[in-house]
Amino acid sequence: MEIHGANGYLLDQFLKDHVNDRDDEYGGSLENRCRFPRMVVKAIVDEIGSEKVGVRMSPFANYCDCKDSDPQALGIYMAQSLRKLDILYCHVIEPRMVTMFEKCETNLSLLPIRKAFGGTFIVAGGYNRSGGNKVVANGGADLVAYGRLFLANPDLPRRFELDAELNKPDRSTFYTSDPVVGYTDYPFLENNN
């Protein structure tokens, strides 16, 4: 089970000092802001076991005006907390993905967060085939998550295997109710199997 603690959703709102203006034990200090997300993770770990739990975080992102003044410290602190719970994996969005569809240049890295977690580490954030292979080969991650590319190319593993051309993501076709609209017709496999 992946706990979604990213992208401006509830747990992310507790974590980020720009939106968490609480003055109780769930606000203010880094430890306090991380308290509720840690409690959620621990409750789920206690219920189903740590080997079945992963957490997604976006400490550097500013989704829905949900940002933090020190995202590196936030990411490291949460990674250390998750390490203590011995969860299956930590899934973190790259610092270059400030918003969902906006990539920027940055010198920031997820490596300190990866080291703080110490377990299986998944990265996400605008990766293509070569970028994904490079981050894994360089030790920046164990796995790479592909979102928009997978939605645009349901046969993405096969296309990566063949180094084939990819469909460009078209947001207007994501999550539509008609299963034939957009990317579900597998034109690549029909023409090239």
N, C-alpha and C. Protein backbone atom coordinates (compact mmCIF):
# COMPACT_ATOMS: atom_id res chain seq x y z
N MET A 1 0.85 -1.16 0.00
CA MET A 1 0.00 0.00 0.00
C MET A 1 0.90 1.23 0.00
N GLU A 2 0.63 2.13 -0.93
CA GLU A 2 1.39 3.38 -0.95
C GLU A 2 0.56 4.48 -0.29
N ILE A 3 1.13 5.09 0.71
CA ILE A 3 0.50 6.22 1.40
C ILE A 3 0.91 7.48 0.65
N HIS A 4 -0.06 8.23 0.20
CA HIS A 4 0.20 9.42 -0.61
C HIS A 4 0.39 10.63 0.30
N GLY A 5 1.65 10.95 0.56
CA GLY A 5 1.98 12.11 1.39
C GLY A 5 2.60 13.21 0.56
N ALA A 6 2.11 13.41 -0.67
CA ALA A 6 2.71 14.35 -1.61
C ALA A 6 1.65 15.20 -2.29
N ASN A 7 2.10 16.03 -3.20
CA ASN A 7 1.25 16.75 -4.16
C ASN A 7 0.18 17.64 -3.55
N GLY A 8 0.41 18.16 -2.37
CA GLY A 8 -0.54 19.08 -1.76
C GLY A 8 -1.72 18.43 -1.07
N TYR A 9 -1.73 17.09 -1.01
CA TYR A 9 -2.81 16.40 -0.32
C TYR A 9 -2.64 16.52 1.20
N LEU A 10 -3.55 15.97 1.96
CA LEU A 10 -3.63 16.21 3.40
C LEU A 10 -2.30 16.04 4.14
N LEU A 11 -1.64 14.90 3.97
CA LEU A 11 -0.39 14.69 4.72
C LEU A 11 0.66 15.71 4.33
N ASP A 12 0.73 16.06 3.05
CA ASP A 12 1.67 17.08 2.58
C ASP A 12 1.37 18.43 3.21
N GLN A 13 0.10 18.73 3.43
CA GLN A 13 -0.29 20.00 4.05
C GLN A 13 0.19 20.07 5.50
N PHE A 14 0.21 18.95 6.18
CA PHE A 14 0.76 18.94 7.54
C PHE A 14 2.26 19.16 7.52
N LEU A 15 2.95 18.56 6.52
CA LEU A 15 4.41 18.60 6.45
C LEU A 15 4.96 19.99 6.13
N LYS A 16 4.30 20.76 5.31
CA LYS A 16 4.85 21.99 4.74
C LYS A 16 4.54 23.21 5.59
N ASP A 17 5.60 23.96 5.93
CA ASP A 17 5.43 25.12 6.82
C ASP A 17 4.73 26.30 6.16
N HIS A 18 4.62 26.32 4.85
CA HIS A 18 3.93 27.43 4.18
C HIS A 18 2.41 27.35 4.37
N VAL A 19 1.88 26.16 4.56
CA VAL A 19 0.43 25.99 4.73
C VAL A 19 0.04 25.50 6.12
N ASN A 20 0.94 24.84 6.82
CA ASN A 20 0.63 24.36 8.17
C ASN A 20 0.89 25.51 9.15
N ASP A 21 -0.18 26.19 9.52
CA ASP A 21 -0.03 27.31 10.46
C ASP A 21 -0.59 26.96 11.84
N ARG A 22 -0.62 25.68 12.12
CA ARG A 22 -1.12 25.23 13.41
C ARG A 22 -0.16 25.67 14.52
N ASP A 23 -0.72 25.87 15.72
CA ASP A 23 0.13 26.24 16.86
C ASP A 23 0.01 25.20 17.98
N ASP A 24 -0.40 23.98 17.60
CA ASP A 24 -0.48 22.90 18.57
C ASP A 24 0.65 21.89 18.30
N GLU A 25 0.49 20.67 18.79
CA GLU A 25 1.55 19.67 18.63
C GLU A 25 1.70 19.16 17.20
N TYR A 26 0.88 19.65 16.26
CA TYR A 26 0.97 19.26 14.85
C TYR A 26 1.46 20.40 13.96
N GLY A 27 1.95 21.45 14.55
CA GLY A 27 2.43 22.59 13.77
C GLY A 27 3.68 23.20 14.36
N GLY A 28 4.28 24.12 13.62
CA GLY A 28 5.47 24.81 14.10
C GLY A 28 6.75 24.10 13.72
N SER A 29 7.33 23.36 14.64
CA SER A 29 8.62 22.71 14.41
C SER A 29 8.51 21.60 13.37
N LEU A 30 9.65 21.24 12.83
CA LEU A 30 9.72 20.14 11.86
C LEU A 30 9.16 18.86 12.48
N GLU A 31 9.57 18.57 13.70
CA GLU A 31 9.08 17.37 14.39
C GLU A 31 7.56 17.39 14.53
N ASN A 32 7.01 18.52 14.91
CA ASN A 32 5.56 18.62 15.08
C ASN A 32 4.82 18.49 13.75
N ARG A 33 5.32 19.12 12.70
CA ARG A 33 4.66 19.05 11.39
C ARG A 33 4.68 17.63 10.82
N CYS A 34 5.68 16.85 11.19
CA CYS A 34 5.79 15.47 10.71
C CYS A 34 5.03 14.48 11.59
N ARG A 35 4.54 14.93 12.73
CA ARG A 35 3.89 14.05 13.70
C ARG A 35 2.69 13.30 13.11
N PHE A 36 1.73 14.03 12.53
CA PHE A 36 0.53 13.37 12.00
C PHE A 36 0.86 12.42 10.85
N PRO A 37 1.66 12.82 9.84
CA PRO A 37 2.02 11.85 8.79
C PRO A 37 2.70 10.60 9.36
N ARG A 38 3.57 10.76 10.35
CA ARG A 38 4.22 9.59 10.97
C ARG A 38 3.19 8.71 11.67
N MET A 39 2.22 9.33 12.34
CA MET A 39 1.17 8.57 13.03
C MET A 39 0.35 7.75 12.02
N VAL A 40 0.05 8.34 10.88
CA VAL A 40 -0.71 7.64 9.84
C VAL A 40 0.08 6.43 9.35
N VAL A 41 1.35 6.65 9.04
CA VAL A 41 2.19 5.54 8.55
C VAL A 41 2.30 4.46 9.61
N LYS A 42 2.54 4.85 10.85
CA LYS A 42 2.68 3.85 11.92
C LYS A 42 1.39 3.05 12.10
N ALA A 43 0.25 3.72 12.05
CA ALA A 43 -1.03 3.02 12.21
C ALA A 43 -1.23 1.98 11.11
N ILE A 44 -0.87 2.33 9.90
CA ILE A 44 -1.02 1.38 8.79
C ILE A 44 0.00 0.25 8.91
N VAL A 45 1.24 0.58 9.27
CA VAL A 45 2.26 -0.44 9.50
C VAL A 45 1.80 -1.41 10.59
N ASP A 46 1.27 -0.88 11.66
CA ASP A 46 0.79 -1.73 12.76
C ASP A 46 -0.35 -2.64 12.31
N GLU A 47 -1.15 -2.18 11.38
CA GLU A 47 -2.31 -2.94 10.91
C GLU A 47 -1.94 -4.02 9.89
N ILE A 48 -1.08 -3.68 8.90
CA ILE A 48 -0.82 -4.63 7.80
C ILE A 48 0.63 -5.09 7.70
N GLY A 49 1.52 -4.48 8.45
CA GLY A 49 2.94 -4.86 8.41
C GLY A 49 3.77 -3.90 7.57
N SER A 50 4.96 -3.62 8.03
CA SER A 50 5.83 -2.65 7.36
C SER A 50 6.25 -3.10 5.97
N GLU A 51 6.29 -4.42 5.74
CA GLU A 51 6.72 -4.95 4.45
C GLU A 51 5.70 -4.73 3.35
N LYS A 52 4.54 -4.17 3.71
CA LYS A 52 3.48 -3.91 2.73
C LYS A 52 3.21 -2.42 2.55
N VAL A 53 4.08 -1.56 3.10
CA VAL A 53 3.80 -0.13 3.11
C VAL A 53 4.92 0.65 2.43
N GLY A 54 4.51 1.57 1.57
CA GLY A 54 5.40 2.54 0.95
C GLY A 54 4.82 3.92 1.16
N VAL A 55 5.67 4.94 1.03
CA VAL A 55 5.21 6.32 1.20
C VAL A 55 5.72 7.16 0.05
N ARG A 56 4.83 7.98 -0.50
CA ARG A 56 5.19 8.94 -1.55
C ARG A 56 5.27 10.33 -0.91
N MET A 57 6.36 11.06 -1.23
CA MET A 57 6.56 12.40 -0.70
C MET A 57 6.99 13.34 -1.83
N SER A 58 6.73 14.62 -1.63
CA SER A 58 7.19 15.65 -2.56
C SER A 58 7.68 16.87 -1.78
N PRO A 59 8.78 16.73 -1.02
CA PRO A 59 9.21 17.83 -0.16
C PRO A 59 9.56 19.12 -0.91
N PHE A 60 10.02 19.02 -2.15
CA PHE A 60 10.44 20.20 -2.90
C PHE A 60 9.31 20.84 -3.69
N ALA A 61 8.21 20.16 -3.84
CA ALA A 61 7.14 20.61 -4.72
C ALA A 61 6.29 21.71 -4.09
N ASN A 62 5.60 22.42 -4.96
CA ASN A 62 4.70 23.49 -4.55
C ASN A 62 3.35 23.26 -5.21
N TYR A 63 2.75 22.10 -4.97
CA TYR A 63 1.43 21.81 -5.49
C TYR A 63 0.39 22.49 -4.62
N CYS A 64 -0.56 23.17 -5.24
CA CYS A 64 -1.64 23.83 -4.51
C CYS A 64 -1.11 24.80 -3.46
N ASP A 65 -0.04 25.50 -3.79
CA ASP A 65 0.60 26.47 -2.90
C ASP A 65 1.09 25.83 -1.60
N CYS A 66 1.43 24.56 -1.68
CA CYS A 66 1.88 23.78 -0.53
C CYS A 66 3.40 23.61 -0.64
N LYS A 67 4.14 24.51 -0.02
CA LYS A 67 5.60 24.45 -0.11
C LYS A 67 6.22 24.56 1.27
N ASP A 68 7.53 24.33 1.32
CA ASP A 68 8.25 24.38 2.59
C ASP A 68 9.49 25.26 2.46
N SER A 69 9.85 25.92 3.54
CA SER A 69 11.01 26.81 3.52
C SER A 69 12.33 26.06 3.50
N ASP A 70 12.35 24.81 3.95
CA ASP A 70 13.57 23.99 3.93
C ASP A 70 13.22 22.56 3.52
N PRO A 71 12.92 22.36 2.23
CA PRO A 71 12.47 21.05 1.78
C PRO A 71 13.49 19.92 1.96
N GLN A 72 14.77 20.25 1.88
CA GLN A 72 15.79 19.21 2.06
C GLN A 72 15.74 18.67 3.49
N ALA A 73 15.68 19.58 4.46
CA ALA A 73 15.60 19.15 5.87
C ALA A 73 14.31 18.36 6.11
N LEU A 74 13.21 18.81 5.52
CA LEU A 74 11.94 18.10 5.66
C LEU A 74 12.04 16.68 5.09
N GLY A 75 12.59 16.55 3.90
CA GLY A 75 12.73 15.24 3.27
C GLY A 75 13.61 14.30 4.07
N ILE A 76 14.71 14.83 4.56
CA ILE A 76 15.65 14.01 5.35
C ILE A 76 15.00 13.56 6.65
N TYR A 77 14.33 14.48 7.33
CA TYR A 77 13.69 14.15 8.60
C TYR A 77 12.63 13.06 8.41
N MET A 78 11.78 13.24 7.39
CA MET A 78 10.75 12.22 7.14
C MET A 78 11.37 10.89 6.74
N ALA A 79 12.41 10.93 5.92
CA ALA A 79 13.08 9.69 5.50
C ALA A 79 13.65 8.95 6.71
N GLN A 80 14.25 9.68 7.63
CA GLN A 80 14.78 9.05 8.85
C GLN A 80 13.65 8.46 9.69
N SER A 81 12.53 9.17 9.76
CA SER A 81 11.36 8.67 10.51
C SER A 81 10.81 7.40 9.87
N LEU A 82 10.74 7.39 8.54
CA LEU A 82 10.23 6.22 7.82
C LEU A 82 11.18 5.04 7.94
N ARG A 83 12.46 5.34 7.99
CA ARG A 83 13.47 4.28 8.16
C ARG A 83 13.24 3.53 9.47
N LYS A 84 12.93 4.28 10.51
CA LYS A 84 12.68 3.67 11.82
C LYS A 84 11.47 2.75 11.79
N LEU A 85 10.52 3.02 10.90
CA LEU A 85 9.33 2.18 10.78
C LEU A 85 9.57 1.00 9.85
N ASP A 86 10.74 0.95 9.22
CA ASP A 86 11.15 -0.17 8.37
C ASP A 86 10.15 -0.47 7.25
N ILE A 87 9.65 0.61 6.61
CA ILE A 87 8.68 0.40 5.53
C ILE A 87 9.36 -0.15 4.29
N LEU A 88 8.57 -0.65 3.37
CA LEU A 88 9.06 -1.30 2.16
C LEU A 88 9.83 -0.36 1.25
N TYR A 89 9.30 0.84 1.03
CA TYR A 89 9.98 1.78 0.14
C TYR A 89 9.57 3.22 0.42
N CYS A 90 10.37 4.11 -0.09
CA CYS A 90 10.11 5.54 -0.05
C CYS A 90 10.12 6.03 -1.50
N HIS A 91 9.07 6.73 -1.92
CA HIS A 91 8.87 7.18 -3.30
C HIS A 91 8.84 8.71 -3.27
N VAL A 92 9.84 9.36 -3.88
CA VAL A 92 9.99 10.81 -3.74
C VAL A 92 10.04 11.47 -5.11
N ILE A 93 9.36 12.61 -5.21
CA ILE A 93 9.34 13.39 -6.44
C ILE A 93 10.58 14.28 -6.50
N GLU A 94 11.21 14.30 -7.64
CA GLU A 94 12.44 15.06 -7.85
C GLU A 94 12.25 16.56 -7.56
N PRO A 95 13.31 17.21 -7.06
CA PRO A 95 13.25 18.66 -6.79
C PRO A 95 12.95 19.49 -8.03
N ARG A 96 13.28 18.98 -9.21
CA ARG A 96 13.06 19.76 -10.44
C ARG A 96 11.58 19.88 -10.80
N MET A 97 10.73 19.08 -10.18
CA MET A 97 9.30 19.11 -10.47
C MET A 97 8.58 19.97 -9.42
N VAL A 98 8.67 21.27 -9.59
CA VAL A 98 8.08 22.20 -8.63
C VAL A 98 6.56 22.11 -8.66
N THR A 99 6.01 22.00 -9.86
CA THR A 99 4.59 21.76 -10.01
C THR A 99 4.42 20.52 -10.89
N MET A 100 3.19 20.07 -11.03
CA MET A 100 2.94 18.80 -11.70
C MET A 100 3.45 18.74 -13.14
N PHE A 101 3.35 19.84 -13.87
CA PHE A 101 3.72 19.82 -15.28
C PHE A 101 4.84 20.78 -15.61
N GLU A 102 5.52 21.26 -14.59
CA GLU A 102 6.56 22.27 -14.78
C GLU A 102 7.89 21.76 -14.24
N LYS A 103 8.83 21.56 -15.14
CA LYS A 103 10.16 21.08 -14.77
C LYS A 103 11.11 22.29 -14.74
N CYS A 104 11.97 22.36 -13.74
CA CYS A 104 12.93 23.47 -13.67
C CYS A 104 14.33 22.92 -13.41
N GLU A 105 15.31 23.70 -13.72
CA GLU A 105 16.70 23.33 -13.44
C GLU A 105 17.01 23.61 -11.97
N THR A 106 17.73 22.71 -11.34
CA THR A 106 18.10 22.89 -9.94
C THR A 106 19.36 22.09 -9.63
N ASN A 107 20.07 22.54 -8.63
CA ASN A 107 21.25 21.81 -8.15
C ASN A 107 20.88 20.89 -6.99
N LEU A 108 19.64 20.93 -6.55
CA LEU A 108 19.20 20.09 -5.44
C LEU A 108 19.12 18.63 -5.88
N SER A 109 19.30 17.75 -4.92
CA SER A 109 19.34 16.33 -5.21
C SER A 109 18.55 15.55 -4.15
N LEU A 110 18.05 14.40 -4.55
CA LEU A 110 17.37 13.51 -3.60
C LEU A 110 18.35 12.59 -2.88
N LEU A 111 19.62 12.64 -3.24
CA LEU A 111 20.60 11.73 -2.65
C LEU A 111 20.66 11.80 -1.12
N PRO A 112 20.65 12.99 -0.49
CA PRO A 112 20.64 13.01 0.98
C PRO A 112 19.40 12.33 1.58
N ILE A 113 18.27 12.46 0.90
CA ILE A 113 17.05 11.82 1.39
C ILE A 113 17.16 10.31 1.20
N ARG A 114 17.69 9.89 0.06
CA ARG A 114 17.91 8.46 -0.18
C ARG A 114 18.80 7.86 0.90
N LYS A 115 19.90 8.55 1.21
CA LYS A 115 20.82 8.05 2.24
C LYS A 115 20.16 8.00 3.60
N ALA A 116 19.34 9.00 3.91
CA ALA A 116 18.65 9.03 5.21
C ALA A 116 17.65 7.88 5.33
N PHE A 117 17.02 7.52 4.22
CA PHE A 117 16.04 6.42 4.25
C PHE A 117 16.73 5.07 4.33
N GLY A 118 17.71 4.86 3.48
CA GLY A 118 18.51 3.64 3.53
C GLY A 118 17.89 2.38 2.95
N GLY A 119 16.65 2.44 2.52
CA GLY A 119 16.00 1.26 1.94
C GLY A 119 15.67 1.48 0.48
N THR A 120 14.74 0.71 -0.03
CA THR A 120 14.35 0.82 -1.43
C THR A 120 13.80 2.22 -1.70
N PHE A 121 14.39 2.87 -2.70
CA PHE A 121 14.11 4.27 -2.99
C PHE A 121 13.63 4.41 -4.42
N ILE A 122 12.45 4.99 -4.59
CA ILE A 122 11.85 5.20 -5.90
C ILE A 122 11.82 6.70 -6.17
N VAL A 123 12.23 7.09 -7.37
CA VAL A 123 12.16 8.50 -7.76
C VAL A 123 11.12 8.67 -8.87
N ALA A 124 10.58 9.87 -8.94
CA ALA A 124 9.63 10.22 -9.98
C ALA A 124 9.87 11.67 -10.36
N GLY A 125 9.46 12.02 -11.58
CA GLY A 125 9.55 13.42 -11.94
C GLY A 125 10.14 13.69 -13.30
N GLY A 126 9.38 13.44 -14.32
CA GLY A 126 9.79 13.82 -15.67
C GLY A 126 10.86 12.95 -16.28
N TYR A 127 10.98 11.73 -15.85
CA TYR A 127 12.00 10.83 -16.40
C TYR A 127 11.57 10.27 -17.76
N ASN A 128 12.56 10.09 -18.61
CA ASN A 128 12.39 9.33 -19.84
C ASN A 128 13.24 8.07 -19.70
N ARG A 129 13.37 7.29 -20.75
CA ARG A 129 14.11 6.02 -20.68
C ARG A 129 15.56 6.24 -20.27
N SER A 130 16.26 7.13 -20.96
CA SER A 130 17.69 7.32 -20.68
C SER A 130 17.90 7.95 -19.31
N GLY A 131 17.06 8.90 -18.93
CA GLY A 131 17.19 9.52 -17.61
C GLY A 131 16.94 8.54 -16.48
N GLY A 132 15.94 7.67 -16.68
CA GLY A 132 15.65 6.65 -15.68
C GLY A 132 16.79 5.66 -15.54
N ASN A 133 17.31 5.21 -16.67
CA ASN A 133 18.46 4.29 -16.62
C ASN A 133 19.66 4.93 -15.94
N LYS A 134 19.87 6.20 -16.22
CA LYS A 134 21.03 6.91 -15.66
C LYS A 134 20.93 7.07 -14.14
N VAL A 135 19.75 7.46 -13.63
CA VAL A 135 19.62 7.67 -12.19
C VAL A 135 19.80 6.36 -11.43
N VAL A 136 19.33 5.25 -11.99
CA VAL A 136 19.53 3.96 -11.34
C VAL A 136 21.00 3.55 -11.42
N ALA A 137 21.62 3.70 -12.59
CA ALA A 137 23.03 3.32 -12.77
C ALA A 137 23.95 4.14 -11.87
N ASN A 138 23.60 5.40 -11.63
CA ASN A 138 24.43 6.28 -10.80
C ASN A 138 24.14 6.14 -9.31
N GLY A 139 23.22 5.25 -8.93
CA GLY A 139 22.93 5.04 -7.51
C GLY A 139 21.97 6.05 -6.92
N GLY A 140 21.30 6.84 -7.75
CA GLY A 140 20.35 7.81 -7.24
C GLY A 140 19.01 7.21 -6.85
N ALA A 141 18.75 6.00 -7.32
CA ALA A 141 17.47 5.34 -7.03
C ALA A 141 17.59 3.85 -7.29
N ASP A 142 16.68 3.11 -6.71
CA ASP A 142 16.55 1.69 -7.01
C ASP A 142 15.55 1.48 -8.15
N LEU A 143 14.54 2.33 -8.18
CA LEU A 143 13.47 2.23 -9.18
C LEU A 143 13.06 3.62 -9.62
N VAL A 144 12.46 3.70 -10.80
CA VAL A 144 11.95 4.96 -11.34
C VAL A 144 10.47 4.78 -11.64
N ALA A 145 9.65 5.72 -11.18
CA ALA A 145 8.23 5.71 -11.47
C ALA A 145 7.95 6.59 -12.68
N TYR A 146 7.12 6.09 -13.57
CA TYR A 146 6.72 6.83 -14.76
C TYR A 146 5.22 7.03 -14.71
N GLY A 147 4.77 8.26 -14.72
CA GLY A 147 3.35 8.55 -14.67
C GLY A 147 2.79 8.87 -16.03
N ARG A 148 2.99 10.11 -16.47
CA ARG A 148 2.42 10.55 -17.75
C ARG A 148 2.88 9.70 -18.91
N LEU A 149 4.15 9.28 -18.92
CA LEU A 149 4.62 8.44 -20.02
C LEU A 149 3.88 7.10 -20.05
N PHE A 150 3.57 6.56 -18.88
CA PHE A 150 2.83 5.30 -18.84
C PHE A 150 1.38 5.49 -19.30
N LEU A 151 0.78 6.60 -18.91
CA LEU A 151 -0.58 6.86 -19.36
C LEU A 151 -0.63 7.01 -20.88
N ALA A 152 0.40 7.62 -21.45
CA ALA A 152 0.45 7.82 -22.90
C ALA A 152 0.89 6.56 -23.64
N ASN A 153 1.54 5.65 -22.94
CA ASN A 153 2.10 4.45 -23.55
C ASN A 153 1.87 3.26 -22.61
N PRO A 154 0.69 2.66 -22.59
CA PRO A 154 0.42 1.54 -21.69
C PRO A 154 1.39 0.38 -21.87
N ASP A 155 2.05 0.33 -23.01
CA ASP A 155 3.04 -0.71 -23.29
C ASP A 155 4.46 -0.17 -23.08
N LEU A 156 4.61 0.77 -22.15
CA LEU A 156 5.88 1.45 -21.92
C LEU A 156 7.07 0.50 -21.70
N PRO A 157 6.95 -0.54 -20.88
CA PRO A 157 8.10 -1.43 -20.71
C PRO A 157 8.58 -2.02 -22.04
N ARG A 158 7.65 -2.40 -22.88
CA ARG A 158 8.02 -2.97 -24.18
C ARG A 158 8.67 -1.91 -25.07
N ARG A 159 8.14 -0.72 -25.07
CA ARG A 159 8.73 0.36 -25.86
C ARG A 159 10.13 0.70 -25.36
N PHE A 160 10.30 0.71 -24.04
CA PHE A 160 11.64 0.94 -23.49
C PHE A 160 12.59 -0.18 -23.92
N GLU A 161 12.12 -1.41 -23.85
CA GLU A 161 12.94 -2.55 -24.23
C GLU A 161 13.42 -2.42 -25.67
N LEU A 162 12.55 -1.97 -26.55
CA LEU A 162 12.89 -1.83 -27.97
C LEU A 162 13.47 -0.45 -28.31
N ASP A 163 13.53 0.44 -27.33
CA ASP A 163 13.92 1.83 -27.55
C ASP A 163 13.08 2.43 -28.67
N ALA A 164 11.78 2.17 -28.60
CA ALA A 164 10.83 2.60 -29.64
C ALA A 164 10.32 4.01 -29.36
N GLU A 165 9.75 4.61 -30.37
CA GLU A 165 9.15 5.94 -30.25
C GLU A 165 8.00 5.89 -29.26
N LEU A 166 7.81 6.99 -28.54
CA LEU A 166 6.76 7.07 -27.52
C LEU A 166 5.67 8.04 -27.96
N ASN A 167 4.43 7.75 -27.56
CA ASN A 167 3.35 8.71 -27.73
C ASN A 167 3.63 9.88 -26.79
N LYS A 168 3.29 11.08 -27.21
CA LYS A 168 3.40 12.23 -26.32
C LYS A 168 2.18 12.27 -25.41
N PRO A 169 2.38 12.55 -24.13
CA PRO A 169 1.25 12.62 -23.21
C PRO A 169 0.25 13.71 -23.64
N ASP A 170 -1.02 13.40 -23.55
CA ASP A 170 -2.11 14.31 -23.87
C ASP A 170 -3.06 14.29 -22.69
N ARG A 171 -2.99 15.30 -21.84
CA ARG A 171 -3.76 15.34 -20.59
C ARG A 171 -5.26 15.20 -20.82
N SER A 172 -5.74 15.65 -21.96
CA SER A 172 -7.18 15.59 -22.20
C SER A 172 -7.69 14.15 -22.31
N THR A 173 -6.79 13.19 -22.48
CA THR A 173 -7.20 11.79 -22.59
C THR A 173 -6.92 10.99 -21.32
N PHE A 174 -6.34 11.61 -20.32
CA PHE A 174 -6.04 10.88 -19.09
C PHE A 174 -7.32 10.62 -18.31
N TYR A 175 -7.48 9.39 -17.86
CA TYR A 175 -8.57 8.99 -16.96
C TYR A 175 -9.95 9.26 -17.55
N THR A 176 -10.12 9.05 -18.83
CA THR A 176 -11.43 9.22 -19.44
C THR A 176 -12.27 7.98 -19.18
N SER A 177 -13.58 8.13 -19.35
CA SER A 177 -14.47 6.99 -19.09
C SER A 177 -14.53 6.01 -20.27
N ASP A 178 -14.16 6.45 -21.46
CA ASP A 178 -14.19 5.58 -22.64
C ASP A 178 -12.85 4.87 -22.77
N PRO A 179 -12.81 3.55 -22.58
CA PRO A 179 -11.52 2.85 -22.60
C PRO A 179 -10.83 2.81 -23.95
N VAL A 180 -11.50 3.24 -25.03
CA VAL A 180 -10.87 3.21 -26.34
C VAL A 180 -10.26 4.57 -26.68
N VAL A 181 -10.65 5.60 -25.97
CA VAL A 181 -10.15 6.94 -26.23
C VAL A 181 -8.72 7.05 -25.75
N GLY A 182 -7.89 7.71 -26.54
CA GLY A 182 -6.54 8.02 -26.09
C GLY A 182 -5.57 6.89 -26.28
N TYR A 183 -5.08 6.35 -25.18
CA TYR A 183 -3.91 5.50 -25.23
C TYR A 183 -4.20 4.03 -24.96
N THR A 184 -5.42 3.64 -25.02
CA THR A 184 -5.72 2.26 -24.67
C THR A 184 -5.85 1.37 -25.89
N ASP A 185 -5.61 1.90 -27.09
CA ASP A 185 -5.78 1.09 -28.29
C ASP A 185 -4.49 0.38 -28.71
N TYR A 186 -3.38 0.64 -28.06
CA TYR A 186 -2.11 -0.03 -28.30
C TYR A 186 -1.71 -0.06 -29.78
N PRO A 187 -1.67 1.09 -30.45
CA PRO A 187 -1.33 1.08 -31.87
C PRO A 187 0.07 0.53 -32.14
N PHE A 188 0.98 0.71 -31.22
CA PHE A 188 2.35 0.22 -31.43
C PHE A 188 2.38 -1.30 -31.51
N LEU A 189 1.70 -1.97 -30.61
CA LEU A 189 1.72 -3.43 -30.60
C LEU A 189 0.96 -4.02 -31.79
N GLU A 190 -0.12 -3.37 -32.19
CA GLU A 190 -0.90 -3.88 -33.32
C GLU A 190 -0.07 -3.85 -34.61
N ASN A 191 0.75 -2.84 -34.75
CA ASN A 191 1.50 -2.66 -35.99
C ASN A 191 2.88 -3.30 -35.97
N ASN A 192 3.37 -3.66 -34.80
CA ASN A 192 4.77 -4.08 -34.71
C ASN A 192 5.00 -5.31 -33.83
N ASN A 193 4.10 -6.25 -33.75
CA ASN A 193 4.35 -7.36 -32.84
C ASN A 193 5.09 -8.46 -33.48
